Amino acid sequence: MSAGSQVPPKLDPTTLYDEQEKRDALRLKTYNSILEQVHNKIRVIARMPTNEKSLLFTVPEFVLGVPRFNTRDCILYLVWNLRQTKFDVQYIPPTLLFISWQRHDTQYKEERSPIVQTLKNAINPPPTELQPKPVIKKTTHQYLPSQAPDSTAKKVTFI
């Protein structure tokens, strides 16, 4: 083998990020599982008859069976996602989130509540549009009695 025939080793920079991509995917899966916990807690609170339309959620600093993750990044992810779905979220350091959907309660009562809608309709009934009856134009030929034998018209002869 001559010195000129050796191929130098190559390193593709994109391969350096394969491991990082796996870690990021696992981190995202962890963040989504925590977000699902938040959603489940919201559903439970919303079903309670005396719910306050808000809750406090403590973001876990670790999850068993999952590599450590940056709690601050997880909090940012949770806050961003909850705000995208129209929840009011306030961060209370170090790991507490105050989540509220109170403003949606007012909107629901005004726009969708069957009780409120019934009361509104009782006070201000919706206007019913009077539609004129269609005009049927007939010619005199259409008013002639039927010649069928079972006709209900009586045949009368005048003298």
Foldseek 3Di string as FASTA:
>chain_A
DDPVPDDDDDDDVVVVCPVVVVLVVLVVVVLVVQLVVVVVVQVVLVPDPPRPQKDKDFQDQDDPPGPGDDLVVSVVVNCVVLVVVPWDWDDDPDGMIITGDVVVVVVCLVPPDPVNVVVVCVVPPDDDDDDDDDDDDDDVVVVDADPDPPGPDDDDDDD
